[in-house]
Amino acid sequence: MEISDIEKAKEVLLDVGYYRLGFYWFPFEQSFPSKRNRTHELRSGTNFDDAIKLYYFDYKLRNILSYYIQRIEINFRNYLTYTLSNHYEDNPQWFVDNSCVEESFISNFDTSVYNSGFKMNTVIKEHHRNHREYSYAPALKTCEYMTFGSVLNLYKALKNRRIKIDIANHYGIRYIEVLENYMEIVRELRNYCAHGNVLYDFVPFKYIRRGPANIRGAINFRNLYGSISVVLYLLKQVSENRYNDMKEEVSTLIEQYSANTKVREILNTISGLTPGSIS
């Protein structure tokens, strides 16, 4: 590996860490993309600065995605809570009522969601101090503090299929299964960003379903480009202005780092991202 500035390289290694940076010089290894029998030998002409540029592309993209995904998460949480709470207006604890929600969700609710840690939340704790007669705070409070994953599982567990379709239609999506798939993609990306995971080679656990997100090319139904397309589609349903902002920020970032020939090649072949691809 060519290192043009030894002192700067030392600073980066102490700041980012040798192990973490290893994920970013993996595409420069001779055996890439195979992870079997790796010798860690690098291709001729590999430069430390190129790997660092790939790292900083990831770092900046995580910040952009985190900001805009939060907007989708909050909107989905609020719309689900609003819709169901108005439908079951005389039942503020509808989320644990087996006439409204599948038993499989309810049976695990006290351990997976409403556990001792959840009840230590200041708002929830104060609610139970003032309302000892109820086992759960109403949906307005409970759903507000559930994780995105738990809110999505609640949607999946709803028994009223008509309501689930109406919620999907609210996001311009015809089928329940497509909304669930899109939100799973968003949730997975959110968790990757929250934990500082590598993004450029992101592969969602499940293939992205065909739907209204503007995804072109079969390979893109399971890569970073396709996943960002899903985020952009959902964000547009929430706010046209925020959609335009995110599209501009991501496009600018891709343009900036594609100026480096090696990074451009990696983003193109692995991420599916090229200048002008985000639209």
Protein backbone atom coordinates (compact mmCIF):
# COMPACT_ATOMS: atom_id res chain seq x y z
CA MET A 1 0.00 0.00 0.00
CA GLU A 2 1.34 3.38 -0.97
CA ILE A 3 1.28 5.89 1.88
CA SER A 4 2.11 9.44 0.86
CA ASP A 5 1.93 11.01 4.33
CA ILE A 6 3.13 8.72 7.13
CA GLU A 7 2.21 11.09 9.98
CA LYS A 8 -1.30 11.66 8.63
CA ALA A 9 -1.73 7.89 8.22
CA LYS A 10 -0.75 7.39 11.89
CA GLU A 11 -3.33 9.98 12.92
CA VAL A 12 -6.07 8.28 10.88
CA LEU A 13 -5.18 4.82 12.18
CA LEU A 14 -5.37 6.02 15.78
CA ASP A 15 -8.62 7.86 15.08
CA VAL A 16 -10.51 5.31 12.99
CA GLY A 17 -8.69 2.09 13.86
CA TYR A 18 -6.83 -0.50 11.80
CA TYR A 19 -9.60 -3.09 12.04
CA ARG A 20 -12.37 -0.74 10.87
CA LEU A 21 -10.29 0.57 7.99
CA GLY A 22 -9.71 -3.02 6.88
CA PHE A 23 -13.29 -3.08 5.58
CA TYR A 24 -12.42 -0.18 3.30
CA TRP A 25 -9.26 -1.60 1.79
CA PHE A 26 -10.90 -4.98 1.22
CA PRO A 27 -12.05 -3.86 -2.31
CA PHE A 28 -8.38 -3.21 -3.11
CA GLU A 29 -7.29 -6.78 -2.28
CA GLN A 30 -6.29 -9.14 -5.07
CA SER A 31 -8.87 -11.76 -4.02
CA PHE A 32 -11.81 -9.30 -3.86
CA PRO A 33 -14.78 -9.93 -3.82
CA SER A 34 -14.13 -13.45 -2.49
CA LYS A 35 -13.84 -13.65 1.31
CA ARG A 36 -12.45 -17.20 1.23
CA ASN A 37 -8.74 -17.91 1.53
CA ARG A 38 -7.91 -14.23 1.76
CA THR A 39 -4.20 -13.45 1.68
CA HIS A 40 -4.82 -9.72 2.25
CA GLU A 41 -2.43 -8.98 -0.62
CA LEU A 42 -3.29 -5.69 -2.27
CA ARG A 43 -3.49 -4.89 -5.94
CA SER A 44 -0.59 -2.97 -7.41
CA GLY A 45 -1.05 0.78 -7.05
CA THR A 46 -3.27 0.64 -3.97
CA ASN A 47 -3.07 3.95 -2.14
CA PHE A 48 -3.93 4.58 1.51
CA ASP A 49 -5.68 7.83 0.56
CA ASP A 50 -8.09 6.01 -1.79
CA ALA A 51 -9.27 3.73 1.02
CA ILE A 52 -9.66 6.74 3.32
CA LYS A 53 -11.81 8.50 0.73
CA LEU A 54 -14.08 5.44 0.58
CA TYR A 55 -14.30 5.51 4.40
CA TYR A 56 -15.29 9.17 4.45
CA PHE A 57 -17.87 8.63 1.72
CA ASP A 58 -19.46 6.02 3.99
CA TYR A 59 -19.20 8.28 7.03
CA LYS A 60 -20.92 11.22 5.33
CA LEU A 61 -23.59 9.04 3.73
CA ARG A 62 -24.47 7.56 7.14
CA ASN A 63 -25.05 11.07 8.49
CA ILE A 64 -27.30 11.98 5.56
CA LEU A 65 -29.34 8.78 5.75
CA SER A 66 -29.71 8.95 9.54
CA TYR A 67 -31.19 12.44 9.33
CA TYR A 68 -33.78 11.64 6.66
CA ILE A 69 -34.68 8.12 7.81
CA GLN A 70 -35.68 9.59 11.16
CA ARG A 71 -38.29 11.65 9.33
CA ILE A 72 -39.80 8.48 7.80
CA GLU A 73 -39.68 6.62 11.11
CA ILE A 74 -41.49 9.35 13.03
CA ASN A 75 -44.09 9.78 10.30
CA PHE A 76 -44.86 6.05 10.11
CA ARG A 77 -45.09 5.77 13.90
CA ASN A 78 -47.43 8.75 14.17
CA TYR A 79 -49.67 7.79 11.27
CA LEU A 80 -50.10 4.22 12.55
CA THR A 81 -50.84 5.43 16.08
CA TYR A 82 -53.25 8.13 14.87
CA THR A 83 -55.12 5.78 12.52
CA LEU A 84 -55.54 2.91 14.96
CA SER A 85 -56.30 5.09 17.99
CA ASN A 86 -59.09 6.84 16.10
CA HIS A 87 -60.46 3.52 14.85
CA TYR A 88 -60.44 2.06 18.38
CA GLU A 89 -61.23 5.34 20.14
CA ASP A 90 -62.77 3.61 23.19
CA ASN A 91 -59.80 1.27 23.58
CA PRO A 92 -56.57 3.21 24.33
CA GLN A 93 -54.67 -0.07 24.89
CA TRP A 94 -55.69 -1.59 21.53
CA PHE A 95 -52.07 -2.68 20.91
CA VAL A 96 -52.47 -5.49 23.48
CA ASP A 97 -56.05 -6.43 22.63
CA ASN A 98 -56.23 -9.78 20.83
CA SER A 99 -59.31 -8.65 18.92
CA CYS A 100 -57.11 -6.00 17.27
CA VAL A 101 -53.63 -7.55 17.23
CA GLU A 102 -52.28 -11.05 16.68
CA GLU A 103 -51.64 -13.05 19.85
CA SER A 104 -48.04 -13.72 18.77
CA PHE A 105 -47.27 -10.01 19.17
CA ILE A 106 -49.14 -9.63 22.46
CA SER A 107 -47.60 -12.70 24.10
CA ASN A 108 -44.10 -11.27 23.71
CA PHE A 109 -45.01 -7.64 24.36
CA ASP A 110 -44.06 -7.56 28.05
CA THR A 111 -40.59 -8.98 27.42
CA SER A 112 -39.71 -7.55 24.01
CA VAL A 113 -41.27 -4.09 24.38
CA TYR A 114 -42.94 -3.20 27.67
CA ASN A 115 -40.18 -4.58 29.88
CA SER A 116 -38.56 -3.16 33.00
CA GLY A 117 -36.22 -0.96 30.95
CA PHE A 118 -39.11 0.48 28.92
CA LYS A 119 -41.05 1.26 32.10
CA MET A 120 -38.09 3.26 33.40
CA ASN A 121 -38.74 5.85 30.70
CA THR A 122 -39.60 9.09 32.50
CA VAL A 123 -42.94 9.59 30.74
CA ILE A 124 -44.06 5.97 31.12
CA LYS A 125 -42.94 5.90 34.74
CA GLU A 126 -44.86 9.08 35.51
CA HIS A 127 -47.96 7.70 33.79
CA HIS A 128 -48.02 4.59 35.97
CA ARG A 129 -47.43 6.67 39.07
CA ASN A 130 -50.61 8.63 38.28
CA HIS A 131 -52.65 5.76 36.81
CA ARG A 132 -51.91 2.64 38.81
CA GLU A 133 -55.10 0.97 37.61
CA TYR A 134 -53.74 0.42 34.09
CA SER A 135 -51.13 -2.15 33.07
CA TYR A 136 -50.09 -0.12 30.05
CA ALA A 137 -49.92 3.51 29.08
CA PRO A 138 -52.25 4.41 26.19
CA ALA A 139 -51.06 3.98 22.60
CA LEU A 140 -50.29 7.70 22.28
CA LYS A 141 -47.52 7.31 24.87
CA THR A 142 -46.54 3.67 24.42
CA CYS A 143 -46.02 3.77 20.65
CA GLU A 144 -44.01 6.98 20.93
CA TYR A 145 -41.25 5.14 22.82
CA MET A 146 -41.30 1.83 20.96
CA THR A 147 -38.40 1.07 18.64
CA PHE A 148 -38.92 1.37 14.90
CA GLY A 149 -38.69 -2.42 14.67
CA SER A 150 -41.41 -2.88 17.30
CA VAL A 151 -43.70 -0.39 15.54
CA LEU A 152 -43.20 -2.25 12.27
CA ASN A 153 -43.94 -5.58 13.99
CA LEU A 154 -47.10 -4.03 15.41
CA TYR A 155 -48.21 -3.06 11.91
CA LYS A 156 -47.55 -6.59 10.68
CA ALA A 157 -49.60 -8.00 13.58
CA LEU A 158 -52.71 -5.89 13.00
CA LYS A 159 -55.75 -8.07 12.38
CA ASN A 160 -57.76 -5.51 10.43
CA ARG A 161 -56.47 -5.94 6.88
CA ARG A 162 -58.48 -2.98 5.61
CA ILE A 163 -56.65 -0.65 7.99
CA LYS A 164 -53.30 -2.09 6.92
CA ILE A 165 -54.19 -1.46 3.27
CA ASP A 166 -55.30 2.09 4.07
CA ILE A 167 -51.96 2.78 5.77
CA ALA A 168 -50.08 1.35 2.79
CA ASN A 169 -52.22 3.48 0.44
CA HIS A 170 -51.31 6.55 2.49
CA TYR A 171 -47.73 6.01 1.29
CA GLY A 172 -48.84 5.48 -2.31
CA ILE A 173 -48.36 1.71 -2.03
CA ARG A 174 -51.01 -0.72 -3.18
CA TYR A 175 -49.97 -3.88 -1.33
CA ILE A 176 -49.35 -4.45 2.39
CA GLU A 177 -46.41 -6.74 1.64
CA VAL A 178 -44.64 -4.00 -0.33
CA LEU A 179 -45.00 -1.45 2.49
CA GLU A 180 -43.70 -4.01 5.00
CA ASN A 181 -40.73 -4.78 2.74
CA TYR A 182 -39.93 -1.10 2.17
CA MET A 183 -40.09 -0.34 5.89
CA GLU A 184 -37.86 -3.34 6.62
CA ILE A 185 -35.28 -1.91 4.22
CA VAL A 186 -35.49 1.46 5.96
CA ARG A 187 -35.22 -0.16 9.40
CA GLU A 188 -32.18 -2.18 8.36
CA LEU A 189 -30.44 0.86 6.88
CA ARG A 190 -31.30 2.84 10.00
CA ASN A 191 -29.65 0.23 12.22
CA TYR A 192 -26.57 0.10 9.99
CA CYS A 193 -26.21 3.87 10.30
CA ALA A 194 -26.86 3.89 14.05
CA HIS A 195 -24.14 1.29 14.69
CA GLY A 196 -21.60 2.74 12.27
CA ASN A 197 -21.66 -0.29 9.98
CA VAL A 198 -20.12 -0.31 6.50
CA LEU A 199 -22.53 1.06 3.89
CA TYR A 200 -20.85 0.92 0.47
CA ASP A 201 -21.37 -2.87 0.25
CA PHE A 202 -24.75 -2.87 2.02
CA VAL A 203 -26.92 -5.84 1.01
CA PRO A 204 -30.42 -5.90 2.54
CA PHE A 205 -31.42 -9.14 4.20
CA LYS A 206 -34.31 -9.56 1.76
CA TYR A 207 -34.68 -8.54 -1.86
CA ILE A 208 -36.53 -5.28 -2.38
CA ARG A 209 -40.01 -6.00 -3.70
CA ARG A 210 -41.15 -4.45 -6.95
CA GLY A 211 -43.24 -1.41 -6.26
CA PRO A 212 -43.44 2.34 -6.78
CA ALA A 213 -39.81 3.06 -5.80
CA ASN A 214 -37.85 4.04 -8.89
CA ILE A 215 -35.41 1.10 -9.11
CA ARG A 216 -33.85 0.16 -12.45
CA GLY A 217 -31.93 -3.06 -13.13
CA ALA A 218 -32.37 -6.46 -11.46
CA ILE A 219 -29.08 -6.22 -9.54
CA ASN A 220 -30.28 -3.07 -7.78
CA PHE A 221 -33.04 -4.88 -5.89
CA ARG A 222 -30.40 -5.96 -3.40
CA ASN A 223 -27.78 -3.25 -3.08
CA LEU A 224 -27.22 0.22 -1.65
CA TYR A 225 -28.60 2.07 -4.68
CA GLY A 226 -31.91 0.19 -4.51
CA SER A 227 -32.15 0.72 -0.75
CA ILE A 228 -31.54 4.46 -1.06
CA SER A 229 -34.21 4.56 -3.77
CA VAL A 230 -36.69 3.08 -1.26
CA VAL A 231 -35.76 5.72 1.34
CA LEU A 232 -36.19 8.48 -1.23
CA TYR A 233 -39.57 7.15 -2.35
CA LEU A 234 -40.97 6.99 1.20
CA LEU A 235 -39.47 10.36 2.08
CA LYS A 236 -41.23 11.91 -0.92
CA GLN A 237 -44.56 10.65 0.46
CA VAL A 238 -43.75 12.42 3.73
CA SER A 239 -42.29 15.68 2.40
CA GLU A 240 -41.51 16.78 -1.15
CA ASN A 241 -39.06 19.37 0.19
CA ARG A 242 -37.11 16.86 2.29
CA TYR A 243 -37.07 14.46 -0.66
CA ASN A 244 -35.48 17.14 -2.84
CA ASP A 245 -32.98 17.99 -0.09
CA MET A 246 -31.88 14.39 0.37
CA LYS A 247 -31.66 13.74 -3.36
CA GLU A 248 -29.41 16.78 -3.78
CA GLU A 249 -27.19 15.89 -0.80
CA VAL A 250 -26.68 12.26 -1.87
CA SER A 251 -26.11 13.21 -5.51
CA THR A 252 -23.55 15.84 -4.51
CA LEU A 253 -21.74 13.34 -2.28
CA ILE A 254 -21.55 10.74 -5.08
CA GLU A 255 -20.28 13.39 -7.52
CA GLN A 256 -17.65 14.54 -5.04
CA TYR A 257 -16.19 11.11 -4.31
CA SER A 258 -16.56 9.80 -7.85
CA ALA A 259 -13.84 12.30 -8.79
CA ASN A 260 -11.48 9.62 -7.43
CA THR A 261 -11.23 6.95 -10.14
CA LYS A 262 -10.86 3.99 -7.78
CA VAL A 263 -13.65 5.07 -5.47
CA ARG A 264 -15.90 5.69 -8.48
CA GLU A 265 -15.26 2.14 -9.68
CA ILE A 266 -16.10 0.69 -6.25
CA LEU A 267 -19.30 2.73 -5.89
CA ASN A 268 -20.37 1.77 -9.39
CA THR A 269 -19.71 -1.98 -9.22
CA ILE A 270 -20.54 -2.66 -5.56
CA SER A 271 -23.00 0.04 -4.46
CA GLY A 272 -24.72 0.64 -7.79
CA LEU A 273 -24.11 4.37 -7.31
CA THR A 274 -22.91 6.54 -10.17
CA PRO A 275 -23.10 10.29 -10.80
CA GLY A 276 -26.66 11.02 -11.88
CA SER A 277 -28.05 7.69 -10.63
CA ILE A 278 -30.09 9.24 -7.81
CA SER A 279 -33.29 10.66 -9.28
